[in-house]
Amino acid sequence: MGKKKRLSRDLQKIINKITPDLKMLLDLLDQADEDDSDSVVEDNIRSGAHNLLIARRIIKHKRK
């Protein structure tokens, strides 16, 4: 069980470190041109960043 707690703690640290970058990435994607040909890539990036931010909220909630 110690390994599980360590993994959870390590994941939490990583997510906390990248949170500002994820928010900046989402802001940049919101400003991007909708007619861009890379819209599928942008949608995947947006979805992944959003999911990581949700994971951060879940981790914070579980700690309380």
PDB file of N, CA and C in Angstrom:
ATOM      1  N   MET A   1       0.817  -1.185   0.000  1.00  0.00           N
ATOM      2  CA  MET A   1       0.000   0.000   0.000  1.00  0.00           C
ATOM      3  C   MET A   1       0.864   1.253   0.000  1.00  0.00           C
ATOM      4  N   GLY A   2       2.089   1.179   0.476  1.00  0.00           N
ATOM      5  CA  GLY A   2       2.981   2.319   0.492  1.00  0.00           C
ATOM      6  C   GLY A   2       3.314   2.801  -0.909  1.00  0.00           C
ATOM      7  N   LYS A   3       3.438   1.852  -1.847  1.00  0.00           N
ATOM      8  CA  LYS A   3       3.737   2.219  -3.234  1.00  0.00           C
ATOM      9  C   LYS A   3       2.591   3.011  -3.849  1.00  0.00           C
ATOM     10  N   LYS A   4       1.363   2.639  -3.489  1.00  0.00           N
ATOM     11  CA  LYS A   4       0.192   3.314  -4.028  1.00  0.00           C
ATOM     12  C   LYS A   4       0.140   4.769  -3.556  1.00  0.00           C
ATOM     13  N   LYS A   5       0.422   4.977  -2.275  1.00  0.00           N
ATOM     14  CA  LYS A   5       0.416   6.339  -1.734  1.00  0.00           C
ATOM     15  C   LYS A   5       1.520   7.167  -2.370  1.00  0.00           C
ATOM     16  N   ARG A   6       2.676   6.561  -2.569  1.00  0.00           N
ATOM     17  CA  ARG A   6       3.806   7.270  -3.184  1.00  0.00           C
ATOM     18  C   ARG A   6       3.466   7.663  -4.617  1.00  0.00           C
ATOM     19  N   LEU A   7       2.870   6.740  -5.364  1.00  0.00           N
ATOM     20  CA  LEU A   7       2.471   7.023  -6.737  1.00  0.00           C
ATOM     21  C   LEU A   7       1.468   8.171  -6.769  1.00  0.00           C
ATOM     22  N   SER A   8       0.482   8.127  -5.897  1.00  0.00           N
ATOM     23  CA  SER A   8      -0.522   9.181  -5.833  1.00  0.00           C
ATOM     24  C   SER A   8       0.113  10.526  -5.511  1.00  0.00           C
ATOM     25  N   ARG A   9       1.037  10.528  -4.586  1.00  0.00           N
ATOM     26  CA  ARG A   9       1.722  11.760  -4.193  1.00  0.00           C
ATOM     27  C   ARG A   9       2.565  12.296  -5.350  1.00  0.00           C
ATOM     28  N   ASP A  10       3.248  11.408  -6.054  1.00  0.00           N
ATOM     29  CA  ASP A  10       4.068  11.821  -7.198  1.00  0.00           C
ATOM     30  C   ASP A  10       3.204  12.387  -8.328  1.00  0.00           C
ATOM     31  N   LEU A  11       2.078  11.739  -8.599  1.00  0.00           N
ATOM     32  CA  LEU A  11       1.164  12.246  -9.622  1.00  0.00           C
ATOM     33  C   LEU A  11       0.635  13.622  -9.245  1.00  0.00           C
ATOM     34  N   GLN A  12       0.300  13.781  -7.989  1.00  0.00           N
ATOM     35  CA  GLN A  12      -0.201  15.061  -7.501  1.00  0.00           C
ATOM     36  C   GLN A  12       0.844  16.161  -7.692  1.00  0.00           C
ATOM     37  N   LYS A  13       2.093  15.875  -7.399  1.00  0.00           N
ATOM     38  CA  LYS A  13       3.165  16.862  -7.567  1.00  0.00           C
ATOM     39  C   LYS A  13       3.317  17.257  -9.032  1.00  0.00           C
ATOM     40  N   ILE A  14       3.274  16.275  -9.912  1.00  0.00           N
ATOM     41  CA  ILE A  14       3.425  16.549 -11.344  1.00  0.00           C
ATOM     42  C   ILE A  14       2.270  17.404 -11.853  1.00  0.00           C
ATOM     43  N   ILE A  15       1.056  17.042 -11.490  1.00  0.00           N
ATOM     44  CA  ILE A  15      -0.104  17.803 -11.943  1.00  0.00           C
ATOM     45  C   ILE A  15      -0.052  19.233 -11.410  1.00  0.00           C
ATOM     46  N   ASN A  16       0.357  19.397 -10.157  1.00  0.00           N
ATOM     47  CA  ASN A  16       0.470  20.746  -9.597  1.00  0.00           C
ATOM     48  C   ASN A  16       1.513  21.573 -10.336  1.00  0.00           C
ATOM     49  N   LYS A  17       2.605  20.942 -10.758  1.00  0.00           N
ATOM     50  CA  LYS A  17       3.655  21.662 -11.485  1.00  0.00           C
ATOM     51  C   LYS A  17       3.191  22.122 -12.860  1.00  0.00           C
ATOM     52  N   ILE A  18       2.391  21.305 -13.536  1.00  0.00           N
ATOM     53  CA  ILE A  18       2.008  21.638 -14.908  1.00  0.00           C
ATOM     54  C   ILE A  18       0.692  22.410 -15.002  1.00  0.00           C
ATOM     55  N   THR A  19       0.003  22.607 -13.900  1.00  0.00           N
ATOM     56  CA  THR A  19      -1.282  23.299 -13.930  1.00  0.00           C
ATOM     57  C   THR A  19      -1.209  24.676 -14.585  1.00  0.00           C
ATOM     58  N   PRO A  20      -0.240  25.539 -14.229  1.00  0.00           N
ATOM     59  CA  PRO A  20      -0.188  26.853 -14.894  1.00  0.00           C
ATOM     60  C   PRO A  20       0.002  26.728 -16.410  1.00  0.00           C
ATOM     61  N   ASP A  21       0.819  25.778 -16.834  1.00  0.00           N
ATOM     62  CA  ASP A  21       1.035  25.570 -18.270  1.00  0.00           C
ATOM     63  C   ASP A  21      -0.228  25.057 -18.955  1.00  0.00           C
ATOM     64  N   LEU A  22      -0.973  24.198 -18.277  1.00  0.00           N
ATOM     65  CA  LEU A  22      -2.220  23.693 -18.849  1.00  0.00           C
ATOM     66  C   LEU A  22      -3.217  24.829 -19.040  1.00  0.00           C
ATOM     67  N   LYS A  23      -3.310  25.701 -18.042  1.00  0.00           N
ATOM     68  CA  LYS A  23      -4.231  26.834 -18.146  1.00  0.00           C
ATOM     69  C   LYS A  23      -3.815  27.764 -19.284  1.00  0.00           C
ATOM     70  N   MET A  24      -2.510  28.003 -19.430  1.00  0.00           N
ATOM     71  CA  MET A  24      -2.012  28.850 -20.507  1.00  0.00           C
ATOM     72  C   MET A  24      -2.305  28.204 -21.868  1.00  0.00           C
ATOM     73  N   LEU A  25      -2.131  26.899 -21.946  1.00  0.00           N
ATOM     74  CA  LEU A  25      -2.409  26.169 -23.177  1.00  0.00           C
ATOM     75  C   LEU A  25      -3.882  26.287 -23.563  1.00  0.00           C
ATOM     76  N   LEU A  26      -4.766  26.135 -22.596  1.00  0.00           N
ATOM     77  CA  LEU A  26      -6.194  26.263 -22.876  1.00  0.00           C
ATOM     78  C   LEU A  26      -6.541  27.680 -23.327  1.00  0.00           C
ATOM     79  N   ASP A  27      -5.924  28.686 -22.713  1.00  0.00           N
ATOM     80  CA  ASP A  27      -6.152  30.078 -23.127  1.00  0.00           C
ATOM     81  C   ASP A  27      -5.695  30.302 -24.569  1.00  0.00           C
ATOM     82  N   LEU A  28      -4.532  29.766 -24.916  1.00  0.00           N
ATOM     83  CA  LEU A  28      -4.030  29.907 -26.289  1.00  0.00           C
ATOM     84  C   LEU A  28      -4.949  29.224 -27.298  1.00  0.00           C
ATOM     85  N   LEU A  29      -5.436  28.049 -26.939  1.00  0.00           N
ATOM     86  CA  LEU A  29      -6.329  27.329 -27.845  1.00  0.00           C
ATOM     87  C   LEU A  29      -7.654  28.063 -28.011  1.00  0.00           C
ATOM     88  N   ASP A  30      -8.114  28.737 -26.967  1.00  0.00           N
ATOM     89  CA  ASP A  30      -9.349  29.510 -27.070  1.00  0.00           C
ATOM     90  C   ASP A  30      -9.191  30.685 -28.031  1.00  0.00           C
ATOM     91  N   GLN A  31      -7.966  31.190 -28.161  1.00  0.00           N
ATOM     92  CA  GLN A  31      -7.698  32.320 -29.049  1.00  0.00           C
ATOM     93  C   GLN A  31      -7.388  31.871 -30.482  1.00  0.00           C
ATOM     94  N   ALA A  32      -7.210  30.585 -30.697  1.00  0.00           N
ATOM     95  CA  ALA A  32      -6.833  30.063 -32.017  1.00  0.00           C
ATOM     96  C   ALA A  32      -7.976  30.226 -33.015  1.00  0.00           C
ATOM     97  N   ASP A  33      -7.621  30.277 -34.275  1.00  0.00           N
ATOM     98  CA  ASP A  33      -8.587  30.408 -35.359  1.00  0.00           C
ATOM     99  C   ASP A  33      -9.349  29.092 -35.517  1.00  0.00           C
ATOM    100  N   GLU A  34     -10.655  29.167 -35.556  1.00  0.00           N
ATOM    101  CA  GLU A  34     -11.491  27.966 -35.680  1.00  0.00           C
ATOM    102  C   GLU A  34     -11.339  27.294 -37.045  1.00  0.00           C
ATOM    103  N   ASP A  35     -10.939  28.033 -38.066  1.00  0.00           N
ATOM    104  CA  ASP A  35     -10.804  27.471 -39.413  1.00  0.00           C
ATOM    105  C   ASP A  35      -9.467  26.780 -39.631  1.00  0.00           C
ATOM    106  N   ASP A  36      -8.670  26.678 -38.603  1.00  0.00           N
ATOM    107  CA  ASP A  36      -7.344  26.076 -38.719  1.00  0.00           C
ATOM    108  C   ASP A  36      -7.468  24.597 -39.074  1.00  0.00           C
ATOM    109  N   SER A  37      -6.559  24.103 -39.902  1.00  0.00           N
ATOM    110  CA  SER A  37      -6.617  22.706 -40.353  1.00  0.00           C
ATOM    111  C   SER A  37      -6.212  21.720 -39.257  1.00  0.00           C
ATOM    112  N   ASP A  38      -5.572  22.190 -38.203  1.00  0.00           N
ATOM    113  CA  ASP A  38      -5.145  21.312 -37.110  1.00  0.00           C
ATOM    114  C   ASP A  38      -6.186  21.246 -35.999  1.00  0.00           C
ATOM    115  N   SER A  39      -7.443  21.427 -36.340  1.00  0.00           N
ATOM    116  CA  SER A  39      -8.473  21.488 -35.309  1.00  0.00           C
ATOM    117  C   SER A  39      -8.613  20.172 -34.538  1.00  0.00           C
ATOM    118  N   VAL A  40      -8.372  19.040 -35.182  1.00  0.00           N
ATOM    119  CA  VAL A  40      -8.455  17.751 -34.487  1.00  0.00           C
ATOM    120  C   VAL A  40      -7.366  17.671 -33.421  1.00  0.00           C
ATOM    121  N   VAL A  41      -6.164  18.091 -33.775  1.00  0.00           N
ATOM    122  CA  VAL A  41      -5.056  18.092 -32.821  1.00  0.00           C
ATOM    123  C   VAL A  41      -5.367  19.043 -31.669  1.00  0.00           C
ATOM    124  N   GLU A  42      -5.869  20.221 -31.999  1.00  0.00           N
ATOM    125  CA  GLU A  42      -6.206  21.199 -30.967  1.00  0.00           C
ATOM    126  C   GLU A  42      -7.292  20.669 -30.041  1.00  0.00           C
ATOM    127  N   ASP A  43      -8.283  19.998 -30.599  1.00  0.00           N
ATOM    128  CA  ASP A  43      -9.349  19.418 -29.777  1.00  0.00           C
ATOM    129  C   ASP A  43      -8.797  18.359 -28.830  1.00  0.00           C
ATOM    130  N   ASN A  44      -7.876  17.540 -29.316  1.00  0.00           N
ATOM    131  CA  ASN A  44      -7.272  16.514 -28.465  1.00  0.00           C
ATOM    132  C   ASN A  44      -6.438  17.139 -27.352  1.00  0.00           C
ATOM    133  N   ILE A  45      -5.690  18.179 -27.676  1.00  0.00           N
ATOM    134  CA  ILE A  45      -4.885  18.866 -26.661  1.00  0.00           C
ATOM    135  C   ILE A  45      -5.799  19.511 -25.631  1.00  0.00           C
ATOM    136  N   ARG A  46      -6.844  20.171 -26.100  1.00  0.00           N
ATOM    137  CA  ARG A  46      -7.792  20.825 -25.195  1.00  0.00           C
ATOM    138  C   ARG A  46      -8.430  19.799 -24.258  1.00  0.00           C
ATOM    139  N   SER A  47      -8.839  18.679 -24.808  1.00  0.00           N
ATOM    140  CA  SER A  47      -9.479  17.630 -24.015  1.00  0.00           C
ATOM    141  C   SER A  47      -8.519  17.063 -22.968  1.00  0.00           C
ATOM    142  N   GLY A  48      -7.283  16.800 -23.375  1.00  0.00           N
ATOM    143  CA  GLY A  48      -6.296  16.258 -22.438  1.00  0.00           C
ATOM    144  C   GLY A  48      -5.971  17.228 -21.323  1.00  0.00           C
ATOM    145  N   ALA A  49      -5.794  18.501 -21.661  1.00  0.00           N
ATOM    146  CA  ALA A  49      -5.496  19.514 -20.649  1.00  0.00           C
ATOM    147  C   ALA A  49      -6.669  19.658 -19.689  1.00  0.00           C
ATOM    148  N   HIS A  50      -7.866  19.664 -20.237  1.00  0.00           N
ATOM    149  CA  HIS A  50      -9.065  19.774 -19.404  1.00  0.00           C
ATOM    150  C   HIS A  50      -9.177  18.580 -18.453  1.00  0.00           C
ATOM    151  N   ASN A  51      -8.915  17.388 -18.945  1.00  0.00           N
ATOM    152  CA  ASN A  51      -8.979  16.187 -18.104  1.00  0.00           C
ATOM    153  C   ASN A  51      -7.945  16.218 -16.981  1.00  0.00           C
ATOM    154  N   LEU A  52      -6.746  16.725 -17.266  1.00  0.00           N
ATOM    155  CA  LEU A  52      -5.727  16.826 -16.220  1.00  0.00           C
ATOM    156  C   LEU A  52      -6.125  17.837 -15.150  1.00  0.00           C
ATOM    157  N   LEU A  53      -6.758  18.929 -15.553  1.00  0.00           N
ATOM    158  CA  LEU A  53      -7.222  19.904 -14.566  1.00  0.00           C
ATOM    159  C   LEU A  53      -8.345  19.321 -13.708  1.00  0.00           C
ATOM    160  N   ILE A  54      -9.196  18.519 -14.304  1.00  0.00           N
ATOM    161  CA  ILE A  54     -10.243  17.840 -13.536  1.00  0.00           C
ATOM    162  C   ILE A  54      -9.611  16.856 -12.556  1.00  0.00           C
ATOM    163  N   ALA A  55      -8.595  16.135 -12.998  1.00  0.00           N
ATOM    164  CA  ALA A  55      -7.896  15.197 -12.111  1.00  0.00           C
ATOM    165  C   ALA A  55      -7.306  15.937 -10.919  1.00  0.00           C
ATOM    166  N   ARG A  56      -6.791  17.129 -11.147  1.00  0.00           N
ATOM    167  CA  ARG A  56      -6.232  17.933 -10.061  1.00  0.00           C
ATOM    168  C   ARG A  56      -7.314  18.262  -9.033  1.00  0.00           C
ATOM    169  N   ARG A  57      -8.501  18.635  -9.517  1.00  0.00           N
ATOM    170  CA  ARG A  57      -9.606  18.944  -8.595  1.00  0.00           C
ATOM    171  C   ARG A  57     -10.015  17.711  -7.798  1.00  0.00           C
ATOM    172  N   ILE A  58     -10.033  16.556  -8.438  1.00  0.00           N
ATOM    173  CA  ILE A  58     -10.394  15.316  -7.745  1.00  0.00           C
ATOM    174  C   ILE A  58      -9.371  15.005  -6.662  1.00  0.00           C
ATOM    175  N   ILE A  59      -8.098  15.156  -6.980  1.00  0.00           N
ATOM    176  CA  ILE A  59      -7.043  14.898  -5.998  1.00  0.00           C
ATOM    177  C   ILE A  59      -7.180  15.844  -4.817  1.00  0.00           C
ATOM    178  N   LYS A  60      -7.434  17.121  -5.086  1.00  0.00           N
ATOM    179  CA  LYS A  60      -7.597  18.098  -4.006  1.00  0.00           C
ATOM    180  C   LYS A  60      -8.783  17.726  -3.127  1.00  0.00           C
ATOM    181  N   HIS A  61      -9.879  17.295  -3.767  1.00  0.00           N
ATOM    182  CA  HIS A  61     -11.089  16.944  -3.025  1.00  0.00           C
ATOM    183  C   HIS A  61     -10.861  15.719  -2.133  1.00  0.00           C
ATOM    184  N   LYS A  62     -10.114  14.745  -2.623  1.00  0.00           N
ATOM    185  CA  LYS A  62      -9.851  13.532  -1.844  1.00  0.00           C
ATOM    186  C   LYS A  62      -8.965  13.802  -0.640  1.00  0.00           C
ATOM    187  N   ARG A  63      -8.117  14.826  -0.729  1.00  0.00           N
ATOM    188  CA  ARG A  63      -7.224  15.142   0.390  1.00  0.00           C
ATOM    189  C   ARG A  63      -7.980  15.747   1.563  1.00  0.00           C
ATOM    190  N   LYS A  64      -9.120  16.358   1.291  1.00  0.00           N
ATOM    191  CA  LYS A  64      -9.877  17.037   2.360  1.00  0.00           C
ATOM    192  C   LYS A  64     -10.548  16.075   3.275  1.00  0.00           C
TER     193      LYS A  64
END
